[in-house]
Amino acid sequence: MAFEFTDTNFQETALDNQGVSVVDFWAEWCGPCRMIGPIIEELHTEYDGKATIGKVNVDTNPEISMKYGIRSIPTILILKNGEVVDKQVGVTSKAALEAKIQAHL
């Protein structure tokens, strides 16, 4: 299961992380989010030890969502050393996400 980012652990696990973090903003009621969910799970397994890949439930973690101005879901942020370096809004392919991650590893 992909890592679960929360309002309480985001600073430590994503912002203070000296490396790449991929953060999928989603909600259970969101159809497109359910489409991209399995891709996030696969990437979490494939990039274990290379990047922190996980999800933020926007319904239960409003602080992170507000901080990054998340207005549409799914939105995927790629952070490197705590800074946003790339963003994907909406459903995309696994290959496209991998290309974005590889560009920052």
C-alpha atoms as a PDB file:
ATOM      1  CA  MET A   1       0.000   0.000   0.000  1.00  0.00           C
ATOM      2  CA  ALA A   2       1.274   3.465  -0.896  1.00  0.00           C
ATOM      3  CA  PHE A   3       2.552   5.704   1.871  1.00  0.00           C
ATOM      4  CA  GLU A   4      -0.139   7.813   3.560  1.00  0.00           C
ATOM      5  CA  PHE A   5       0.814  11.466   3.863  1.00  0.00           C
ATOM      6  CA  THR A   6      -1.195  13.364   6.494  1.00  0.00           C
ATOM      7  CA  ASP A   7      -1.379  16.885   7.877  1.00  0.00           C
ATOM      8  CA  THR A   8       0.676  15.694  10.856  1.00  0.00           C
ATOM      9  CA  ASN A   9       3.450  13.800   9.031  1.00  0.00           C
ATOM     10  CA  PHE A  10       3.807  15.863   5.820  1.00  0.00           C
ATOM     11  CA  GLN A  11       6.550  18.177   7.095  1.00  0.00           C
ATOM     12  CA  GLU A  12       8.741  15.293   8.222  1.00  0.00           C
ATOM     13  CA  THR A  13       8.069  12.832   5.383  1.00  0.00           C
ATOM     14  CA  ALA A  14       7.840  15.129   2.349  1.00  0.00           C
ATOM     15  CA  LEU A  15       9.204  18.590   3.078  1.00  0.00           C
ATOM     16  CA  ASP A  16      12.193  17.593   5.215  1.00  0.00           C
ATOM     17  CA  ASN A  17      12.947  14.641   2.921  1.00  0.00           C
ATOM     18  CA  GLN A  18      16.239  15.026   1.088  1.00  0.00           C
ATOM     19  CA  GLY A  19      15.082  13.277  -2.046  1.00  0.00           C
ATOM     20  CA  VAL A  20      12.021  12.865  -4.226  1.00  0.00           C
ATOM     21  CA  SER A  21       8.473  12.618  -2.897  1.00  0.00           C
ATOM     22  CA  VAL A  22       5.438  11.976  -5.098  1.00  0.00           C
ATOM     23  CA  VAL A  23       2.188  13.099  -3.484  1.00  0.00           C
ATOM     24  CA  ASP A  24      -1.183  12.067  -4.936  1.00  0.00           C
ATOM     25  CA  PHE A  25      -4.049  14.251  -3.683  1.00  0.00           C
ATOM     26  CA  TRP A  26      -7.229  12.154  -3.873  1.00  0.00           C
ATOM     27  CA  ALA A  27     -10.606  11.350  -2.312  1.00  0.00           C
ATOM     28  CA  GLU A  28     -12.645   8.146  -2.054  1.00  0.00           C
ATOM     29  CA  TRP A  29     -15.602   9.652  -3.957  1.00  0.00           C
ATOM     30  CA  CYS A  30     -13.422  10.736  -6.917  1.00  0.00           C
ATOM     31  CA  GLY A  31     -13.734   8.436  -9.958  1.00  0.00           C
ATOM     32  CA  PRO A  32     -10.550   9.637 -11.721  1.00  0.00           C
ATOM     33  CA  CYS A  33      -8.680   9.221  -8.423  1.00  0.00           C
ATOM     34  CA  ARG A  34      -9.710   5.568  -8.334  1.00  0.00           C
ATOM     35  CA  MET A  35      -8.368   5.193 -11.868  1.00  0.00           C
ATOM     36  CA  ILE A  36      -4.922   6.513 -10.980  1.00  0.00           C
ATOM     37  CA  GLY A  37      -4.769   4.795  -7.570  1.00  0.00           C
ATOM     38  CA  PRO A  38      -3.401   1.467  -8.868  1.00  0.00           C
ATOM     39  CA  ILE A  39      -0.657   3.330 -10.768  1.00  0.00           C
ATOM     40  CA  ILE A  40       0.411   5.085  -7.562  1.00  0.00           C
ATOM     41  CA  GLU A  41       0.460   1.719  -5.767  1.00  0.00           C
ATOM     42  CA  GLU A  42       2.676   0.180  -8.490  1.00  0.00           C
ATOM     43  CA  LEU A  43       5.064   3.136  -8.487  1.00  0.00           C
ATOM     44  CA  HIS A  44       5.287   2.976  -4.677  1.00  0.00           C
ATOM     45  CA  THR A  45       6.507  -0.612  -4.945  1.00  0.00           C
ATOM     46  CA  GLU A  46       8.791  -0.059  -7.939  1.00  0.00           C
ATOM     47  CA  TYR A  47      10.484   3.044  -6.518  1.00  0.00           C
ATOM     48  CA  ASP A  48      10.851   1.758  -2.957  1.00  0.00           C
ATOM     49  CA  GLY A  49      14.137   3.112  -1.620  1.00  0.00           C
ATOM     50  CA  LYS A  50      14.449   5.664  -4.450  1.00  0.00           C
ATOM     51  CA  ALA A  51      11.440   7.931  -3.822  1.00  0.00           C
ATOM     52  CA  THR A  52       8.640   8.313  -1.288  1.00  0.00           C
ATOM     53  CA  ILE A  53       5.405   7.759  -3.188  1.00  0.00           C
ATOM     54  CA  GLY A  54       2.115   8.162  -1.420  1.00  0.00           C
ATOM     55  CA  LYS A  55      -1.329   9.684  -1.151  1.00  0.00           C
ATOM     56  CA  VAL A  56      -3.106  12.474   0.701  1.00  0.00           C
ATOM     57  CA  ASN A  57      -6.828  12.109   1.287  1.00  0.00           C
ATOM     58  CA  VAL A  58      -8.074  15.685   0.772  1.00  0.00           C
ATOM     59  CA  ASP A  59     -11.176  15.068   2.878  1.00  0.00           C
ATOM     60  CA  THR A  60      -9.222  14.136   6.003  1.00  0.00           C
ATOM     61  CA  ASN A  61      -6.127  16.330   5.463  1.00  0.00           C
ATOM     62  CA  PRO A  62      -7.354  19.818   4.537  1.00  0.00           C
ATOM     63  CA  GLU A  63      -4.236  21.706   5.690  1.00  0.00           C
ATOM     64  CA  ILE A  64      -1.913  20.238   3.053  1.00  0.00           C
ATOM     65  CA  SER A  65      -4.546  20.642   0.357  1.00  0.00           C
ATOM     66  CA  MET A  66      -5.054  24.318   1.213  1.00  0.00           C
ATOM     67  CA  LYS A  67      -1.308  24.999   1.480  1.00  0.00           C
ATOM     68  CA  TYR A  68      -0.740  23.777  -2.083  1.00  0.00           C
ATOM     69  CA  GLY A  69      -3.967  25.224  -3.514  1.00  0.00           C
ATOM     70  CA  ILE A  70      -5.367  21.876  -4.583  1.00  0.00           C
ATOM     71  CA  ARG A  71      -8.619  22.649  -6.414  1.00  0.00           C
ATOM     72  CA  SER A  72      -8.935  19.600  -8.675  1.00  0.00           C
ATOM     73  CA  ILE A  73      -8.238  15.974  -7.908  1.00  0.00           C
ATOM     74  CA  PRO A  74      -6.381  13.903  -8.680  1.00  0.00           C
ATOM     75  CA  THR A  75      -3.430  16.277  -8.471  1.00  0.00           C
ATOM     76  CA  ILE A  76       0.042  14.821  -8.156  1.00  0.00           C
ATOM     77  CA  LEU A  77       2.910  16.934  -6.863  1.00  0.00           C
ATOM     78  CA  ILE A  78       6.524  15.898  -7.256  1.00  0.00           C
ATOM     79  CA  LEU A  79       8.754  17.383  -4.594  1.00  0.00           C
ATOM     80  CA  LYS A  80      12.518  17.302  -4.492  1.00  0.00           C
ATOM     81  CA  ASN A  81      14.277  18.298  -1.287  1.00  0.00           C
ATOM     82  CA  GLY A  82      10.993  19.765  -0.031  1.00  0.00           C
ATOM     83  CA  GLU A  83      10.283  21.960  -3.075  1.00  0.00           C
ATOM     84  CA  VAL A  84       7.591  21.351  -5.706  1.00  0.00           C
ATOM     85  CA  VAL A  85       9.406  20.627  -8.982  1.00  0.00           C
ATOM     86  CA  ASP A  86       6.546  19.206 -11.079  1.00  0.00           C
ATOM     87  CA  LYS A  87       2.775  18.857 -11.052  1.00  0.00           C
ATOM     88  CA  GLN A  88       0.190  16.685 -12.806  1.00  0.00           C
ATOM     89  CA  VAL A  89      -3.511  17.538 -12.652  1.00  0.00           C
ATOM     90  CA  GLY A  90      -5.937  14.852 -13.780  1.00  0.00           C
ATOM     91  CA  VAL A  91      -5.501  11.272 -14.884  1.00  0.00           C
ATOM     92  CA  THR A  92      -2.312  10.365 -16.714  1.00  0.00           C
ATOM     93  CA  SER A  93      -0.452   7.236 -17.767  1.00  0.00           C
ATOM     94  CA  LYS A  94       2.037   5.321 -15.687  1.00  0.00           C
ATOM     95  CA  ALA A  95       4.713   6.009 -18.320  1.00  0.00           C
ATOM     96  CA  ALA A  96       4.129   9.773 -18.094  1.00  0.00           C
ATOM     97  CA  LEU A  97       4.412   9.719 -14.305  1.00  0.00           C
ATOM     98  CA  GLU A  98       7.550   7.594 -14.457  1.00  0.00           C
ATOM     99  CA  ALA A  99       9.143  10.071 -16.858  1.00  0.00           C
ATOM    100  CA  LYS A 100       8.394  12.926 -14.446  1.00  0.00           C
ATOM    101  CA  ILE A 101       9.825  10.980 -11.494  1.00  0.00           C
ATOM    102  CA  GLN A 102      12.936   9.888 -13.400  1.00  0.00           C
ATOM    103  CA  ALA A 103      13.633  13.491 -14.395  1.00  0.00           C
ATOM    104  CA  HIS A 104      14.135  14.374 -10.732  1.00  0.00           C
ATOM    105  CA  LEU A 105      15.909  11.307  -9.323  1.00  0.00           C
END
